[in-house]
Amino acid sequence: MISLAEIAKRCGVSIITVSRALDPLNSAKVKPSTREKILEVCKKENFYPSFSARSLASGRTRSIGFIVPGIEVISTPQAGIYLRAFNEELEKNGYNLLLLPVNGSDWDVISNNAEPLILSGRCDSYVTVAFSVSVPPDRPVTMLQTTALQDIDAGSFPVVCISNSKAMRNMAEHLRKEGFGKPLFINFGKAVMERMKQWSMAFAEIGMGELAVLDLPEGSHLVSGDTAVFELLRKNQEYIKQFDIWVFSNDLWAMQAMEFLNEENLTPGKDVAVIGFDNIERNYTHPRIGTIKPPLTEFGRAAAKMALERIQFPDKDFSGIRVELESEALFRESCCRG
């Protein structure tokens, strides 16, 4: 393999200049034409800088560990949006994203399995999603919460979270003004329990009474795929007729509900208000779905900036720091009678 010295000789520059050109953090210090010449030689000779050698020399891995409770957490469209924003922010700053899924039968087990990863120093900074860890406060950890209601003990670590409360209350008030009055939440498991609690609080705060819940059997959405909610509504159609607001944990389930209403010759937004969450399916439905839009891109960027700040200011006290981003209520045809 060609050496740095040989590359420097061919390009007529110093070894330090070659090293800088190949370092994402310092490449901007090298004149673009010189950097291109160096990269061209490296490509021709199949030369790539050693990650481990660079880490040993700098004391940095240039990686941020993104610790999630199971691989399924990052397999959703929502996760894809905030992870892309997170990764883009890291790349701009010369860092890499390292996904670290941990498994466990409950949150305590998940936390216990995550702690050795953090203590190992495998990455320069870490982000945990929806769970807390018990590690020394000097460890560069940032905690993410996809809802501000999640009961997580942040301890001395900063938190970046999404708050849906205001958007949900705005949606509830809109529904009341439109003449709707009896809400039903279609729930498909423990993963959205916090979201259900937020909706319950929103309807209660404006005096619309208790939020009824219809449970989709745990895991059935994985087996039945795109028809799971449709089948649940059909099976319980006598029960659901007493409600004129159907609230779902994502837009995909809301789409199935609108198909069901069409089959029953009922009109979304006139006979029943259909509410989704995430705004992912906005271009695929007619009538369009009224929904809650979480700031997923901003969430990913804010998380990355906090993780990087933990590296840049290792002696700073981050306890009590909380970045809370607000979701937005989108009033569309499926929840409007006008």
Protein backbone atom coordinates (compact mmCIF):
# COMPACT_ATOMS: atom_id res chain seq x y z
CA MET A 1 0.00 0.00 0.00
CA ILE A 2 1.20 3.48 -0.82
CA SER A 3 2.34 5.59 2.15
CA LEU A 4 1.42 9.15 3.13
CA ALA A 5 5.00 10.16 2.35
CA GLU A 6 4.74 8.81 -1.22
CA ILE A 7 1.39 10.58 -1.76
CA ALA A 8 2.92 13.82 -0.49
CA LYS A 9 5.92 13.40 -2.84
CA ARG A 10 3.70 12.79 -5.90
CA CYS A 11 1.53 15.81 -5.12
CA GLY A 12 4.41 18.09 -4.18
CA VAL A 13 3.04 18.83 -0.71
CA SER A 14 3.92 17.99 2.89
CA ILE A 15 2.73 14.90 4.77
CA ILE A 16 0.76 17.20 7.09
CA THR A 17 -1.14 18.62 4.10
CA VAL A 18 -2.03 15.09 2.94
CA SER A 19 -3.19 14.19 6.43
CA ARG A 20 -5.39 17.28 6.62
CA ALA A 21 -6.88 16.66 3.19
CA LEU A 22 -7.97 13.16 4.26
CA ASP A 23 -9.42 14.29 7.59
CA PRO A 24 -13.10 15.41 7.28
CA LEU A 25 -12.60 17.80 10.18
CA ASN A 26 -9.57 19.56 8.66
CA SER A 27 -9.98 19.11 4.90
CA ALA A 28 -11.38 22.66 4.54
CA LYS A 29 -7.95 23.99 5.56
CA VAL A 30 -6.46 22.59 2.33
CA LYS A 31 -6.85 24.48 -0.96
CA PRO A 32 -9.57 22.73 -3.05
CA SER A 33 -7.30 22.13 -6.05
CA THR A 34 -4.63 20.58 -3.80
CA ARG A 35 -7.20 18.44 -2.01
CA GLU A 36 -8.58 17.15 -5.32
CA LYS A 37 -5.06 16.23 -6.49
CA ILE A 38 -4.43 14.29 -3.26
CA LEU A 39 -7.79 12.50 -3.42
CA GLU A 40 -7.16 11.56 -7.05
CA VAL A 41 -3.85 9.87 -6.15
CA CYS A 42 -5.49 8.08 -3.20
CA LYS A 43 -8.31 6.80 -5.39
CA LYS A 44 -5.90 5.59 -8.07
CA GLU A 45 -3.83 3.71 -5.46
CA ASN A 46 -6.88 2.44 -3.48
CA PHE A 47 -5.59 4.22 -0.40
CA TYR A 48 -7.95 4.88 2.48
CA PRO A 49 -6.92 6.35 5.84
CA SER A 50 -7.01 3.94 8.78
CA PHE A 51 -9.95 4.70 11.07
CA SER A 52 -8.34 3.00 14.07
CA ALA A 53 -5.02 4.80 13.57
CA ARG A 54 -6.75 8.16 13.31
CA SER A 55 -8.78 7.43 16.46
CA LEU A 56 -5.66 6.50 18.41
CA ALA A 57 -3.83 9.60 17.26
CA SER A 58 -6.67 12.03 18.02
CA GLY A 59 -8.27 10.31 21.01
CA ARG A 60 -11.60 10.56 19.16
CA THR A 61 -13.65 7.96 17.30
CA ARG A 62 -15.54 10.63 15.30
CA SER A 63 -18.70 8.57 15.95
CA ILE A 64 -21.96 9.25 17.81
CA GLY A 65 -23.73 6.20 19.23
CA PHE A 66 -27.51 6.18 18.70
CA ILE A 67 -28.85 3.65 21.22
CA VAL A 68 -32.38 2.39 20.54
CA PRO A 69 -34.55 -0.18 22.39
CA GLY A 70 -34.72 -2.75 19.60
CA ILE A 71 -34.25 -2.53 15.86
CA GLU A 72 -38.01 -2.10 15.25
CA VAL A 73 -37.86 1.39 16.78
CA ILE A 74 -35.83 2.66 13.82
CA SER A 75 -37.79 0.76 11.15
CA THR A 76 -40.69 3.24 11.05
CA PRO A 77 -41.07 6.08 8.53
CA GLN A 78 -41.00 8.59 11.41
CA ALA A 79 -37.64 7.30 12.64
CA GLY A 80 -36.29 7.46 9.11
CA ILE A 81 -37.01 11.19 8.96
CA TYR A 82 -35.35 12.19 12.22
CA LEU A 83 -32.43 9.80 11.73
CA ARG A 84 -31.70 11.30 8.31
CA ALA A 85 -31.65 14.81 9.81
CA PHE A 86 -29.51 13.56 12.71
CA ASN A 87 -26.99 11.97 10.34
CA GLU A 88 -26.84 15.02 8.04
CA GLU A 89 -25.99 17.25 11.01
CA LEU A 90 -23.24 14.85 12.08
CA GLU A 91 -21.76 14.68 8.59
CA LYS A 92 -21.56 18.48 8.41
CA ASN A 93 -19.40 18.33 11.53
CA GLY A 94 -17.19 15.42 10.44
CA TYR A 95 -18.89 12.75 12.56
CA ASN A 96 -20.43 9.36 11.78
CA LEU A 97 -23.66 7.81 13.05
CA LEU A 98 -23.36 4.42 14.74
CA LEU A 99 -26.69 2.65 15.40
CA LEU A 100 -26.63 0.55 18.57
CA PRO A 101 -29.86 -1.42 19.09
CA VAL A 102 -30.24 -3.06 22.52
CA ASN A 103 -32.89 -5.59 23.47
CA GLY A 104 -34.60 -6.49 26.72
CA SER A 105 -37.84 -7.77 28.23
CA ASP A 106 -38.49 -4.43 30.00
CA TRP A 107 -37.02 -0.93 30.33
CA ASP A 108 -34.75 -1.87 33.25
CA VAL A 109 -33.16 -4.68 31.24
CA ILE A 110 -32.77 -2.41 28.21
CA SER A 111 -31.06 0.24 30.37
CA ASN A 112 -28.73 -2.34 31.92
CA ASN A 113 -27.77 -3.62 28.46
CA ALA A 114 -27.11 -0.09 27.19
CA GLU A 115 -24.88 1.03 30.05
CA PRO A 116 -21.81 -1.10 29.11
CA LEU A 117 -21.92 0.40 25.59
CA ILE A 118 -21.70 3.90 27.03
CA LEU A 119 -19.00 3.03 29.54
CA SER A 120 -16.88 1.32 26.85
CA GLY A 121 -15.99 4.63 25.17
CA ARG A 122 -16.79 3.12 21.80
CA CYS A 123 -18.17 6.49 20.66
CA ASP A 124 -17.44 10.12 21.51
CA SER A 125 -21.06 10.83 22.49
CA TYR A 126 -24.28 8.84 22.92
CA VAL A 127 -27.99 9.35 22.42
CA THR A 128 -30.61 7.15 24.08
CA VAL A 129 -34.16 6.94 22.72
CA ALA A 130 -37.07 6.70 25.19
CA PHE A 131 -35.17 5.28 28.16
CA SER A 132 -32.78 6.44 30.88
CA VAL A 133 -29.42 5.04 31.97
CA SER A 134 -27.48 5.06 35.24
CA VAL A 135 -23.96 6.08 34.25
CA PRO A 136 -21.63 8.73 35.72
CA PRO A 137 -22.71 12.31 34.89
CA ASP A 138 -19.45 13.00 33.05
CA ARG A 139 -20.42 10.53 30.33
CA PRO A 140 -21.55 12.42 27.19
CA VAL A 141 -25.16 11.18 27.04
CA THR A 142 -28.20 12.93 25.54
CA MET A 143 -31.69 11.54 26.13
CA LEU A 144 -34.39 11.70 23.46
CA GLN A 145 -38.11 11.52 24.16
CA THR A 146 -40.59 11.25 21.30
CA THR A 147 -43.26 12.63 23.64
CA ALA A 148 -42.84 15.09 26.50
CA LEU A 149 -45.05 12.90 28.73
CA GLN A 150 -42.66 9.96 28.83
CA ASP A 151 -41.69 9.21 32.42
CA ILE A 152 -37.91 9.22 32.08
CA ASP A 153 -35.47 10.16 34.81
CA ALA A 154 -32.95 12.32 32.94
CA GLY A 155 -30.76 12.84 35.99
CA SER A 156 -27.81 15.04 35.02
CA PHE A 157 -28.26 14.53 31.27
CA PRO A 158 -29.88 16.91 28.76
CA VAL A 159 -33.18 16.00 27.10
CA VAL A 160 -34.49 16.67 23.59
CA CYS A 161 -38.19 15.92 23.22
CA ILE A 162 -41.34 16.49 21.16
CA SER A 163 -44.43 17.97 22.81
CA ASN A 164 -47.78 17.08 21.24
CA SER A 165 -50.01 18.53 23.98
CA LYS A 166 -50.69 21.95 22.44
CA ALA A 167 -51.31 20.54 18.95
CA MET A 168 -53.67 17.87 20.30
CA ARG A 169 -55.62 20.42 22.33
CA ASN A 170 -55.91 22.64 19.23
CA MET A 171 -57.23 19.65 17.27
CA ALA A 172 -59.71 18.77 20.04
CA GLU A 173 -61.01 22.36 20.12
CA HIS A 174 -61.34 22.36 16.33
CA LEU A 175 -63.36 19.12 16.42
CA ARG A 176 -65.70 20.55 19.04
CA LYS A 177 -66.28 23.67 16.90
CA GLU A 178 -67.04 21.42 13.92
CA GLY A 179 -69.78 19.72 15.96
CA PHE A 180 -68.04 16.44 16.77
CA GLY A 181 -68.31 15.20 20.35
CA LYS A 182 -67.51 11.53 21.06
CA PRO A 183 -63.84 10.48 20.63
CA LEU A 184 -62.49 6.95 20.22
CA PHE A 185 -58.77 6.09 20.17
CA ILE A 186 -57.77 3.00 18.17
CA ASN A 187 -54.75 1.61 19.99
CA PHE A 188 -52.39 -1.09 18.73
CA GLY A 189 -50.08 -1.71 21.67
CA LYS A 190 -47.81 -0.35 24.38
CA ALA A 191 -45.71 1.66 21.92
CA VAL A 192 -48.36 4.39 21.64
CA MET A 193 -49.67 4.45 25.22
CA GLU A 194 -48.10 7.87 25.85
CA ARG A 195 -49.79 9.25 22.75
CA MET A 196 -53.13 7.90 23.96
CA LYS A 197 -52.60 9.61 27.35
CA GLN A 198 -51.95 12.92 25.61
CA TRP A 199 -55.14 12.65 23.57
CA SER A 200 -57.10 11.74 26.69
CA MET A 201 -55.80 14.86 28.46
CA ALA A 202 -56.56 17.07 25.44
CA PHE A 203 -60.21 16.01 25.22
CA ALA A 204 -60.68 16.16 28.99
CA GLU A 205 -59.24 19.69 29.23
CA ILE A 206 -61.92 21.10 26.92
CA GLY A 207 -64.76 19.15 28.53
CA MET A 208 -65.37 16.51 25.85
CA GLY A 209 -65.39 13.72 28.41
CA GLU A 210 -63.50 10.46 28.62
CA LEU A 211 -61.60 9.09 25.64
CA ALA A 212 -62.79 5.58 24.78
CA VAL A 213 -60.20 3.05 23.59
CA LEU A 214 -60.46 0.17 21.14
CA ASP A 215 -57.40 -2.08 21.28
CA LEU A 216 -55.92 -3.74 18.24
CA PRO A 217 -54.48 -7.06 19.53
CA GLU A 218 -50.73 -6.78 20.16
CA GLY A 219 -48.77 -7.77 17.05
CA SER A 220 -51.80 -8.18 14.79
CA HIS A 221 -50.73 -5.19 12.67
CA LEU A 222 -47.56 -7.13 11.84
CA VAL A 223 -49.54 -10.19 10.75
CA SER A 224 -52.42 -8.49 8.93
CA GLY A 225 -50.32 -5.71 7.47
CA ASP A 226 -52.30 -3.02 5.67
CA THR A 227 -55.69 -4.53 6.59
CA ALA A 228 -55.32 -4.83 10.39
CA VAL A 229 -57.28 -1.68 11.31
CA PHE A 230 -59.84 -2.26 8.56
CA GLU A 231 -60.57 -5.73 9.97
CA LEU A 232 -60.75 -4.41 13.54
CA LEU A 233 -63.31 -1.75 12.58
CA ARG A 234 -65.41 -4.25 10.65
CA LYS A 235 -65.39 -6.68 13.58
CA ASN A 236 -66.47 -3.92 16.00
CA GLN A 237 -68.70 -1.85 13.74
CA GLU A 238 -71.69 -1.87 16.10
CA TYR A 239 -69.52 -0.52 18.93
CA ILE A 240 -67.73 2.16 16.91
CA LYS A 241 -70.96 3.62 15.48
CA GLN A 242 -71.54 5.47 18.77
CA PHE A 243 -68.38 7.57 18.20
CA ASP A 244 -68.00 10.41 15.70
CA ILE A 245 -64.26 11.00 16.26
CA TRP A 246 -61.79 8.23 15.42
CA VAL A 247 -58.22 8.93 16.50
CA PHE A 248 -55.29 6.85 15.26
CA SER A 249 -51.62 6.64 16.22
CA ASN A 250 -50.45 7.20 12.63
CA ASP A 251 -51.73 8.25 9.22
CA LEU A 252 -51.49 4.74 7.78
CA TRP A 253 -54.13 3.45 10.20
CA ALA A 254 -56.26 6.52 9.48
CA MET A 255 -56.10 5.69 5.76
CA GLN A 256 -57.53 2.24 6.47
CA ALA A 257 -60.33 3.82 8.50
CA MET A 258 -61.29 6.05 5.56
CA GLU A 259 -61.43 3.01 3.28
CA PHE A 260 -63.75 1.36 5.81
CA LEU A 261 -66.00 4.44 5.93
CA ASN A 262 -66.19 4.55 2.13
CA GLU A 263 -67.26 0.91 2.08
CA GLU A 264 -69.99 1.75 4.62
CA ASN A 265 -71.13 4.72 2.48
CA LEU A 266 -70.06 7.16 5.19
CA THR A 267 -68.06 10.33 4.55
CA PRO A 268 -64.85 11.14 6.46
CA GLY A 269 -65.15 14.66 7.86
CA LYS A 270 -68.94 14.67 7.63
CA ASP A 271 -70.17 11.54 9.39
CA VAL A 272 -66.96 10.73 11.27
CA ALA A 273 -63.85 12.81 11.93
CA VAL A 274 -60.72 10.75 11.20
CA ILE A 275 -57.49 11.93 12.84
CA GLY A 276 -54.00 10.57 12.12
CA PHE A 277 -50.54 11.30 13.41
CA ASP A 278 -47.18 11.95 11.67
CA ASN A 279 -48.17 13.57 8.33
CA ILE A 280 -46.23 10.83 6.49
CA GLU A 281 -49.08 9.80 4.17
CA ARG A 282 -50.11 13.35 3.24
CA ASN A 283 -49.75 12.83 -0.52
CA TYR A 284 -51.56 9.50 -0.78
CA THR A 285 -55.12 10.12 0.41
CA HIS A 286 -58.31 11.79 -0.67
CA PRO A 287 -59.88 13.35 1.24
CA ARG A 288 -56.71 14.47 2.98
CA ILE A 289 -56.15 13.35 6.56
CA GLY A 290 -56.38 15.76 9.48
CA THR A 291 -53.34 14.96 11.56
CA ILE A 292 -50.73 15.96 14.13
CA LYS A 293 -47.41 16.81 12.50
CA PRO A 294 -44.40 16.28 14.79
CA PRO A 295 -41.25 18.30 13.94
CA LEU A 296 -39.22 15.19 13.08
CA THR A 297 -36.50 16.89 11.01
CA GLU A 298 -35.97 19.59 13.64
CA PHE A 299 -35.97 16.87 16.31
CA GLY A 300 -33.14 15.01 14.57
CA ARG A 301 -31.08 18.17 14.10
CA ALA A 302 -31.56 19.30 17.71
CA ALA A 303 -30.56 15.85 18.98
CA ALA A 304 -27.38 15.87 16.88
CA LYS A 305 -26.44 19.39 17.96
CA MET A 306 -26.85 18.45 21.62
CA ALA A 307 -24.78 15.28 21.17
CA LEU A 308 -22.01 17.31 19.50
CA GLU A 309 -22.18 19.97 22.20
CA ARG A 310 -21.52 17.27 24.79
CA ILE A 311 -18.21 16.64 23.04
CA GLN A 312 -17.29 20.29 22.52
CA PHE A 313 -17.96 21.25 26.16
CA PRO A 314 -17.00 18.23 28.29
CA ASP A 315 -16.91 20.25 31.54
CA LYS A 316 -20.29 21.95 31.09
CA ASP A 317 -23.15 21.10 33.49
CA PHE A 318 -25.98 19.83 31.26
CA SER A 319 -28.36 18.84 34.07
CA GLY A 320 -31.80 20.40 33.67
CA ILE A 321 -31.26 21.36 30.03
CA ARG A 322 -34.38 20.51 28.05
CA VAL A 323 -35.09 21.26 24.38
CA GLU A 324 -38.83 20.86 23.73
CA LEU A 325 -40.16 21.05 20.16
CA GLU A 326 -43.86 21.62 19.44
CA SER A 327 -45.97 19.53 17.06
CA GLU A 328 -48.57 21.17 14.80
CA ALA A 329 -52.27 20.38 14.26
CA LEU A 330 -53.23 20.21 10.57
CA PHE A 331 -56.95 20.66 9.90
CA ARG A 332 -57.89 18.91 6.66
CA GLU A 333 -60.94 17.40 4.96
CA SER A 334 -61.13 14.26 7.13
CA CYS A 335 -61.85 16.38 10.21
CA CYS A 336 -63.74 19.34 8.71
CA ARG A 337 -67.47 19.51 8.00
CA GLY A 338 -67.27 22.78 6.12
